[in-house]
């Protein structure tokens, strides 16, 4: 049975819908592309946690529609709230993968960047819960991270304009992976296990991308870094964003 409008899909939901020919073509294309990237054995994706999550069916997926459509944004609000209410019961490494409808024509990088930040602003304006007391509201604070429905999270944006930064490339439009902060417990850069895991992933990332890690990348709470800068990284290492595009939220 397919999820209701705006609810997250499981991997088995999608596979069944594809087999029955009931999934819209653009949704099938987007999912198959994502699945292919995560499970490519010839060129393994750097984050092996993401690879395992896809293989084990721990991801959830939502296809809201076009990024600038208000109904699509509303569907994303519902899907994200639903996911965050249940993610702890899914598995240790779970994320919500947001796959938007591809644009009719090629878009410049700034369009995708604006879509991403405007979506986060929209989510903030429709947040069903107050900003958590444990997280600073100022994006310039090293312990700030994006929050929704009371949950801190990390976001990874992928888009067609990425070329050299291959790990952020996807050919069919904007894609956002939303990872609740809870899935990173034990993987902090301050812990031995977390340091080893991050070191391995960073080595794999440099091989995969073919360019060094972006200077804005780093561990959460590092006083030299800002988490929001890592959500939608620039294409080159010479670029950076000096001011957070998001408005400061109140509690």
C-alpha atoms as a PDB file:
ATOM      1  CA  UNK A   1       0.000   0.000   0.000  1.00  0.00           C
ATOM      2  CA  UNK A   2       1.409   3.410  -0.972  1.00  0.00           C
ATOM      3  CA  UNK A   3       1.824   6.136   1.679  1.00  0.00           C
ATOM      4  CA  UNK A   4      -0.754   8.909   1.802  1.00  0.00           C
ATOM      5  CA  UNK A   5       0.123  12.260   0.259  1.00  0.00           C
ATOM      6  CA  UNK A   6       3.185  13.741   1.926  1.00  0.00           C
ATOM      7  CA  UNK A   7       3.970  10.762   4.166  1.00  0.00           C
ATOM      8  CA  UNK A   8       7.449   9.217   3.960  1.00  0.00           C
ATOM      9  CA  UNK A   9       8.001   6.129   1.828  1.00  0.00           C
ATOM     10  CA  UNK A  10       9.988   3.085   2.866  1.00  0.00           C
ATOM     11  CA  UNK A  11      12.340   1.317   0.469  1.00  0.00           C
ATOM     12  CA  UNK A  12       9.935  -1.618   0.178  1.00  0.00           C
ATOM     13  CA  UNK A  13       7.026   0.779  -0.515  1.00  0.00           C
ATOM     14  CA  UNK A  14       8.974   2.224  -3.423  1.00  0.00           C
ATOM     15  CA  UNK A  15      10.133  -1.097  -4.818  1.00  0.00           C
ATOM     16  CA  UNK A  16       6.566  -2.444  -4.730  1.00  0.00           C
ATOM     17  CA  UNK A  17       5.143   0.678  -6.391  1.00  0.00           C
ATOM     18  CA  UNK A  18       7.815   0.551  -9.121  1.00  0.00           C
ATOM     19  CA  UNK A  19       7.130  -3.132  -9.760  1.00  0.00           C
ATOM     20  CA  UNK A  20       3.403  -2.420 -10.102  1.00  0.00           C
ATOM     21  CA  UNK A  21       4.072   0.583 -12.375  1.00  0.00           C
ATOM     22  CA  UNK A  22       2.257   2.908  -9.959  1.00  0.00           C
ATOM     23  CA  UNK A  23       5.048   5.386  -9.227  1.00  0.00           C
ATOM     24  CA  UNK A  24       5.232   8.584 -11.282  1.00  0.00           C
ATOM     25  CA  UNK A  25       8.114   8.524 -13.769  1.00  0.00           C
ATOM     26  CA  UNK A  26       9.977  11.430 -12.169  1.00  0.00           C
ATOM     27  CA  UNK A  27       9.742   9.828  -8.727  1.00  0.00           C
ATOM     28  CA  UNK A  28      11.023   6.515 -10.035  1.00  0.00           C
ATOM     29  CA  UNK A  29      13.912   8.283 -11.793  1.00  0.00           C
ATOM     30  CA  UNK A  30      14.840  10.201  -8.670  1.00  0.00           C
ATOM     31  CA  UNK A  31      14.755   7.170  -6.408  1.00  0.00           C
ATOM     32  CA  UNK A  32      16.622   4.888  -8.815  1.00  0.00           C
ATOM     33  CA  UNK A  33      19.337   7.536  -9.241  1.00  0.00           C
ATOM     34  CA  UNK A  34      19.719   7.930  -5.486  1.00  0.00           C
ATOM     35  CA  UNK A  35      19.761   4.170  -4.952  1.00  0.00           C
ATOM     36  CA  UNK A  36      22.339   3.738  -7.712  1.00  0.00           C
ATOM     37  CA  UNK A  37      24.641   6.336  -6.173  1.00  0.00           C
ATOM     38  CA  UNK A  38      24.454   4.760  -2.715  1.00  0.00           C
ATOM     39  CA  UNK A  39      25.024   1.198  -3.927  1.00  0.00           C
ATOM     40  CA  UNK A  40      27.584   1.670  -6.729  1.00  0.00           C
ATOM     41  CA  UNK A  41      30.206  -1.006  -6.036  1.00  0.00           C
ATOM     42  CA  UNK A  42      32.642   0.281  -8.670  1.00  0.00           C
ATOM     43  CA  UNK A  43      32.797   3.756  -7.107  1.00  0.00           C
ATOM     44  CA  UNK A  44      31.626   3.390  -3.494  1.00  0.00           C
ATOM     45  CA  UNK A  45      29.927   6.390  -1.942  1.00  0.00           C
ATOM     46  CA  UNK A  46      32.214   7.876   0.768  1.00  0.00           C
ATOM     47  CA  UNK A  47      29.787   7.705   3.685  1.00  0.00           C
ATOM     48  CA  UNK A  48      29.545   3.989   4.338  1.00  0.00           C
ATOM     49  CA  UNK A  49      26.844   4.648   6.956  1.00  0.00           C
ATOM     50  CA  UNK A  50      24.630   6.005   4.163  1.00  0.00           C
ATOM     51  CA  UNK A  51      25.426   3.008   1.972  1.00  0.00           C
ATOM     52  CA  UNK A  52      24.451   0.603   4.750  1.00  0.00           C
ATOM     53  CA  UNK A  53      21.288   2.579   5.513  1.00  0.00           C
ATOM     54  CA  UNK A  54      20.154   2.335   1.891  1.00  0.00           C
ATOM     55  CA  UNK A  55      20.972  -1.359   1.672  1.00  0.00           C
ATOM     56  CA  UNK A  56      19.205  -2.110   4.971  1.00  0.00           C
ATOM     57  CA  UNK A  57      16.092  -0.050   4.213  1.00  0.00           C
ATOM     58  CA  UNK A  58      16.682   2.480   6.993  1.00  0.00           C
ATOM     59  CA  UNK A  59      16.142   5.587   4.880  1.00  0.00           C
ATOM     60  CA  UNK A  60      12.743   7.172   4.436  1.00  0.00           C
ATOM     61  CA  UNK A  61      11.879   9.125   1.286  1.00  0.00           C
ATOM     62  CA  UNK A  62       9.516  11.922   0.378  1.00  0.00           C
ATOM     63  CA  UNK A  63       8.674  13.401  -3.042  1.00  0.00           C
ATOM     64  CA  UNK A  64       7.077  16.770  -2.205  1.00  0.00           C
ATOM     65  CA  UNK A  65       6.945  18.221  -5.726  1.00  0.00           C
ATOM     66  CA  UNK A  66       8.645  21.379  -7.026  1.00  0.00           C
ATOM     67  CA  UNK A  67      10.781  23.215  -4.423  1.00  0.00           C
ATOM     68  CA  UNK A  68       9.072  26.578  -4.947  1.00  0.00           C
ATOM     69  CA  UNK A  69       5.505  25.231  -4.792  1.00  0.00           C
ATOM     70  CA  UNK A  70       3.698  26.027  -1.529  1.00  0.00           C
ATOM     71  CA  UNK A  71       1.753  22.769  -1.573  1.00  0.00           C
ATOM     72  CA  UNK A  72       5.011  20.862  -1.987  1.00  0.00           C
ATOM     73  CA  UNK A  73       6.520  22.745   0.942  1.00  0.00           C
ATOM     74  CA  UNK A  74       3.458  21.973   3.035  1.00  0.00           C
ATOM     75  CA  UNK A  75       3.826  18.283   2.197  1.00  0.00           C
ATOM     76  CA  UNK A  76       7.455  18.455   3.304  1.00  0.00           C
ATOM     77  CA  UNK A  77       6.419  19.978   6.655  1.00  0.00           C
ATOM     78  CA  UNK A  78       4.024  17.073   7.270  1.00  0.00           C
ATOM     79  CA  UNK A  79       6.480  14.423   6.109  1.00  0.00           C
ATOM     80  CA  UNK A  80       9.342  15.764   8.203  1.00  0.00           C
ATOM     81  CA  UNK A  81       7.204  15.987  11.330  1.00  0.00           C
ATOM     82  CA  UNK A  82       5.963  12.429  10.752  1.00  0.00           C
ATOM     83  CA  UNK A  83       9.493  11.157  10.222  1.00  0.00           C
ATOM     84  CA  UNK A  84      10.911  12.887  13.305  1.00  0.00           C
ATOM     85  CA  UNK A  85       8.157  11.414  15.457  1.00  0.00           C
ATOM     86  CA  UNK A  86       9.221   7.877  14.504  1.00  0.00           C
ATOM     87  CA  UNK A  87      12.849   7.863  13.347  1.00  0.00           C
ATOM     88  CA  UNK A  88      14.198   6.386  16.581  1.00  0.00           C
ATOM     89  CA  UNK A  89      12.188   3.213  15.948  1.00  0.00           C
ATOM     90  CA  UNK A  90      13.587   2.733  12.422  1.00  0.00           C
ATOM     91  CA  UNK A  91      17.233   1.934  13.159  1.00  0.00           C
ATOM     92  CA  UNK A  92      20.502   3.396  14.356  1.00  0.00           C
ATOM     93  CA  UNK A  93      21.390   5.246  11.136  1.00  0.00           C
ATOM     94  CA  UNK A  94      18.264   6.685   9.548  1.00  0.00           C
ATOM     95  CA  UNK A  95      17.657   9.804   7.457  1.00  0.00           C
ATOM     96  CA  UNK A  96      14.837  11.393   5.495  1.00  0.00           C
ATOM     97  CA  UNK A  97      15.740  11.779   1.816  1.00  0.00           C
ATOM     98  CA  UNK A  98      13.830  14.614   0.129  1.00  0.00           C
ATOM     99  CA  UNK A  99      13.655  14.201  -3.650  1.00  0.00           C
ATOM    100  CA  UNK A 100      12.125  17.158  -5.473  1.00  0.00           C
ATOM    101  CA  UNK A 101      10.484  17.171  -8.878  1.00  0.00           C
ATOM    102  CA  UNK A 102      13.109  17.905 -11.574  1.00  0.00           C
ATOM    103  CA  UNK A 103      12.912  21.335 -13.254  1.00  0.00           C
ATOM    104  CA  UNK A 104      11.855  21.497 -16.895  1.00  0.00           C
ATOM    105  CA  UNK A 105      15.063  23.344 -17.867  1.00  0.00           C
ATOM    106  CA  UNK A 106      18.634  23.592 -16.628  1.00  0.00           C
ATOM    107  CA  UNK A 107      18.938  25.946 -13.650  1.00  0.00           C
ATOM    108  CA  UNK A 108      21.922  28.085 -12.532  1.00  0.00           C
ATOM    109  CA  UNK A 109      23.590  27.269  -9.195  1.00  0.00           C
ATOM    110  CA  UNK A 110      22.031  30.290  -7.479  1.00  0.00           C
ATOM    111  CA  UNK A 111      18.555  28.939  -8.181  1.00  0.00           C
ATOM    112  CA  UNK A 112      19.252  25.719  -6.300  1.00  0.00           C
ATOM    113  CA  UNK A 113      20.910  27.595  -3.448  1.00  0.00           C
ATOM    114  CA  UNK A 114      17.924  29.926  -3.119  1.00  0.00           C
ATOM    115  CA  UNK A 115      15.520  26.989  -3.242  1.00  0.00           C
ATOM    116  CA  UNK A 116      17.375  25.278  -0.424  1.00  0.00           C
ATOM    117  CA  UNK A 117      17.529  28.240   1.949  1.00  0.00           C
ATOM    118  CA  UNK A 118      13.967  29.316   1.149  1.00  0.00           C
ATOM    119  CA  UNK A 119      12.776  25.810   2.039  1.00  0.00           C
ATOM    120  CA  UNK A 120      14.512  26.006   5.407  1.00  0.00           C
ATOM    121  CA  UNK A 121      12.934  29.407   6.032  1.00  0.00           C
ATOM    122  CA  UNK A 122       9.518  27.952   5.180  1.00  0.00           C
ATOM    123  CA  UNK A 123      10.027  25.018   7.535  1.00  0.00           C
ATOM    124  CA  UNK A 124      11.030  27.440  10.274  1.00  0.00           C
ATOM    125  CA  UNK A 125       7.905  29.533   9.722  1.00  0.00           C
ATOM    126  CA  UNK A 126       5.766  26.385  10.023  1.00  0.00           C
ATOM    127  CA  UNK A 127       7.654  24.676  12.828  1.00  0.00           C
ATOM    128  CA  UNK A 128       5.110  22.957  15.130  1.00  0.00           C
ATOM    129  CA  UNK A 129       7.348  23.223  18.216  1.00  0.00           C
ATOM    130  CA  UNK A 130       9.547  25.876  19.885  1.00  0.00           C
ATOM    131  CA  UNK A 131      13.279  25.994  19.257  1.00  0.00           C
ATOM    132  CA  UNK A 132      14.947  23.616  21.757  1.00  0.00           C
ATOM    133  CA  UNK A 133      16.476  25.208  24.853  1.00  0.00           C
ATOM    134  CA  UNK A 134      19.711  23.236  24.389  1.00  0.00           C
ATOM    135  CA  UNK A 135      20.539  24.739  20.966  1.00  0.00           C
ATOM    136  CA  UNK A 136      21.638  28.375  20.422  1.00  0.00           C
ATOM    137  CA  UNK A 137      19.353  30.379  18.149  1.00  0.00           C
ATOM    138  CA  UNK A 138      22.197  32.371  16.565  1.00  0.00           C
ATOM    139  CA  UNK A 139      23.615  30.587  13.450  1.00  0.00           C
ATOM    140  CA  UNK A 140      26.984  32.215  14.156  1.00  0.00           C
ATOM    141  CA  UNK A 141      27.310  30.194  17.370  1.00  0.00           C
ATOM    142  CA  UNK A 142      29.510  27.074  16.927  1.00  0.00           C
ATOM    143  CA  UNK A 143      26.875  24.914  18.674  1.00  0.00           C
ATOM    144  CA  UNK A 144      24.007  26.090  16.455  1.00  0.00           C
ATOM    145  CA  UNK A 145      22.354  23.575  14.176  1.00  0.00           C
ATOM    146  CA  UNK A 146      19.076  23.591  12.292  1.00  0.00           C
ATOM    147  CA  UNK A 147      16.073  22.456  14.314  1.00  0.00           C
ATOM    148  CA  UNK A 148      12.527  21.453  13.455  1.00  0.00           C
ATOM    149  CA  UNK A 149       9.812  19.961  15.661  1.00  0.00           C
ATOM    150  CA  UNK A 150      12.202  20.236  18.597  1.00  0.00           C
ATOM    151  CA  UNK A 151      14.859  18.071  16.901  1.00  0.00           C
ATOM    152  CA  UNK A 152      18.372  19.292  16.024  1.00  0.00           C
ATOM    153  CA  UNK A 153      19.543  17.912  12.680  1.00  0.00           C
ATOM    154  CA  UNK A 154      22.239  17.972  10.014  1.00  0.00           C
ATOM    155  CA  UNK A 155      21.339  18.566   6.367  1.00  0.00           C
ATOM    156  CA  UNK A 156      23.136  17.631   3.165  1.00  0.00           C
ATOM    157  CA  UNK A 157      22.063  19.331  -0.063  1.00  0.00           C
ATOM    158  CA  UNK A 158      22.872  17.822  -3.449  1.00  0.00           C
ATOM    159  CA  UNK A 159      22.192  19.439  -6.833  1.00  0.00           C
ATOM    160  CA  UNK A 160      23.083  19.296 -10.544  1.00  0.00           C
ATOM    161  CA  UNK A 161      25.572  22.190 -10.441  1.00  0.00           C
ATOM    162  CA  UNK A 162      28.130  20.185  -8.448  1.00  0.00           C
ATOM    163  CA  UNK A 163      30.773  18.717 -10.762  1.00  0.00           C
ATOM    164  CA  UNK A 164      34.146  18.605  -9.048  1.00  0.00           C
ATOM    165  CA  UNK A 165      32.428  17.951  -5.698  1.00  0.00           C
ATOM    166  CA  UNK A 166      30.968  14.685  -6.898  1.00  0.00           C
ATOM    167  CA  UNK A 167      29.576  13.589  -3.518  1.00  0.00           C
ATOM    168  CA  UNK A 168      27.146  16.531  -3.724  1.00  0.00           C
ATOM    169  CA  UNK A 169      26.129  15.911  -7.333  1.00  0.00           C
ATOM    170  CA  UNK A 170      22.773  14.607  -8.481  1.00  0.00           C
ATOM    171  CA  UNK A 171      21.513  15.148 -12.055  1.00  0.00           C
ATOM    172  CA  UNK A 172      17.770  15.649 -11.580  1.00  0.00           C
ATOM    173  CA  UNK A 173      17.241  18.666  -9.317  1.00  0.00           C
ATOM    174  CA  UNK A 174      17.498  19.564  -5.654  1.00  0.00           C
ATOM    175  CA  UNK A 175      17.895  16.772  -3.106  1.00  0.00           C
ATOM    176  CA  UNK A 176      18.152  17.127   0.675  1.00  0.00           C
ATOM    177  CA  UNK A 177      19.110  14.445   3.177  1.00  0.00           C
ATOM    178  CA  UNK A 178      17.909  15.269   6.689  1.00  0.00           C
ATOM    179  CA  UNK A 179      19.759  13.508   9.502  1.00  0.00           C
ATOM    180  CA  UNK A 180      18.516  13.875  13.101  1.00  0.00           C
ATOM    181  CA  UNK A 181      21.389  14.713  15.447  1.00  0.00           C
ATOM    182  CA  UNK A 182      20.515  11.626  17.477  1.00  0.00           C
ATOM    183  CA  UNK A 183      21.904   9.323  14.784  1.00  0.00           C
ATOM    184  CA  UNK A 184      25.365  10.817  15.346  1.00  0.00           C
ATOM    185  CA  UNK A 185      25.610   9.737  18.972  1.00  0.00           C
ATOM    186  CA  UNK A 186      28.899   7.912  19.391  1.00  0.00           C
ATOM    187  CA  UNK A 187      30.275   9.420  16.180  1.00  0.00           C
ATOM    188  CA  UNK A 188      31.395  12.715  17.632  1.00  0.00           C
ATOM    189  CA  UNK A 189      34.820  13.861  16.567  1.00  0.00           C
ATOM    190  CA  UNK A 190      35.633  14.088  20.268  1.00  0.00           C
ATOM    191  CA  UNK A 191      35.283  10.313  20.774  1.00  0.00           C
ATOM    192  CA  UNK A 192      37.760   7.655  19.624  1.00  0.00           C
ATOM    193  CA  UNK A 193      35.224   5.683  17.581  1.00  0.00           C
ATOM    194  CA  UNK A 194      33.867   8.845  16.026  1.00  0.00           C
ATOM    195  CA  UNK A 195      37.333  10.058  15.122  1.00  0.00           C
ATOM    196  CA  UNK A 196      38.159   6.788  13.361  1.00  0.00           C
ATOM    197  CA  UNK A 197      34.862   6.746  11.462  1.00  0.00           C
ATOM    198  CA  UNK A 198      35.195  10.363  10.383  1.00  0.00           C
ATOM    199  CA  UNK A 199      38.818   9.864   9.330  1.00  0.00           C
ATOM    200  CA  UNK A 200      37.850   6.904   7.136  1.00  0.00           C
ATOM    201  CA  UNK A 201      34.942   8.772   5.558  1.00  0.00           C
ATOM    202  CA  UNK A 202      37.087  11.840   4.894  1.00  0.00           C
ATOM    203  CA  UNK A 203      39.737   9.734   3.156  1.00  0.00           C
ATOM    204  CA  UNK A 204      37.065   8.116   1.009  1.00  0.00           C
ATOM    205  CA  UNK A 205      35.508  11.519   0.316  1.00  0.00           C
ATOM    206  CA  UNK A 206      38.724  13.011  -1.054  1.00  0.00           C
ATOM    207  CA  UNK A 207      39.197  10.015  -3.351  1.00  0.00           C
ATOM    208  CA  UNK A 208      35.571  10.193  -4.490  1.00  0.00           C
ATOM    209  CA  UNK A 209      35.461  13.937  -5.088  1.00  0.00           C
ATOM    210  CA  UNK A 210      38.933  14.316  -6.509  1.00  0.00           C
ATOM    211  CA  UNK A 211      39.387  17.585  -4.590  1.00  0.00           C
ATOM    212  CA  UNK A 212      40.255  18.240  -0.930  1.00  0.00           C
ATOM    213  CA  UNK A 213      37.542  18.716   1.651  1.00  0.00           C
ATOM    214  CA  UNK A 214      36.052  22.190   1.707  1.00  0.00           C
ATOM    215  CA  UNK A 215      37.671  24.434   4.360  1.00  0.00           C
ATOM    216  CA  UNK A 216      34.240  25.061   5.910  1.00  0.00           C
ATOM    217  CA  UNK A 217      33.805  21.349   6.682  1.00  0.00           C
ATOM    218  CA  UNK A 218      34.443  20.227  10.230  1.00  0.00           C
ATOM    219  CA  UNK A 219      33.100  18.774  13.439  1.00  0.00           C
ATOM    220  CA  UNK A 220      30.060  20.061  15.281  1.00  0.00           C
ATOM    221  CA  UNK A 221      30.886  22.633  17.991  1.00  0.00           C
ATOM    222  CA  UNK A 222      34.361  23.324  16.617  1.00  0.00           C
ATOM    223  CA  UNK A 223      34.742  27.037  17.468  1.00  0.00           C
ATOM    224  CA  UNK A 224      36.410  27.632  14.092  1.00  0.00           C
ATOM    225  CA  UNK A 225      33.484  26.206  12.088  1.00  0.00           C
ATOM    226  CA  UNK A 226      29.815  26.962  11.511  1.00  0.00           C
ATOM    227  CA  UNK A 227      27.482  24.070  10.841  1.00  0.00           C
ATOM    228  CA  UNK A 228      25.151  25.872   8.427  1.00  0.00           C
ATOM    229  CA  UNK A 229      28.057  26.440   6.022  1.00  0.00           C
ATOM    230  CA  UNK A 230      28.301  22.690   5.494  1.00  0.00           C
ATOM    231  CA  UNK A 231      24.684  22.147   4.445  1.00  0.00           C
ATOM    232  CA  UNK A 232      25.085  23.395   0.872  1.00  0.00           C
ATOM    233  CA  UNK A 233      28.821  23.604   0.245  1.00  0.00           C
ATOM    234  CA  UNK A 234      30.201  25.756  -2.572  1.00  0.00           C
ATOM    235  CA  UNK A 235      31.430  23.974  -5.676  1.00  0.00           C
ATOM    236  CA  UNK A 236      35.036  25.128  -5.239  1.00  0.00           C
ATOM    237  CA  UNK A 237      37.256  25.393  -2.163  1.00  0.00           C
ATOM    238  CA  UNK A 238      37.964  29.028  -2.953  1.00  0.00           C
ATOM    239  CA  UNK A 239      34.338  29.998  -2.263  1.00  0.00           C
ATOM    240  CA  UNK A 240      32.558  30.449   1.056  1.00  0.00           C
ATOM    241  CA  UNK A 241      29.406  32.101   2.392  1.00  0.00           C
ATOM    242  CA  UNK A 242      30.105  34.721   5.035  1.00  0.00           C
ATOM    243  CA  UNK A 243      26.566  35.317   6.295  1.00  0.00           C
ATOM    244  CA  UNK A 244      23.907  32.721   7.068  1.00  0.00           C
ATOM    245  CA  UNK A 245      20.893  33.165   4.747  1.00  0.00           C
ATOM    246  CA  UNK A 246      18.513  32.070   7.532  1.00  0.00           C
ATOM    247  CA  UNK A 247      16.783  34.403   9.931  1.00  0.00           C
ATOM    248  CA  UNK A 248      17.584  33.892  13.595  1.00  0.00           C
ATOM    249  CA  UNK A 249      14.757  31.949  15.205  1.00  0.00           C
ATOM    250  CA  UNK A 250      13.209  32.754  18.575  1.00  0.00           C
ATOM    251  CA  UNK A 251      12.427  30.172  21.230  1.00  0.00           C
END
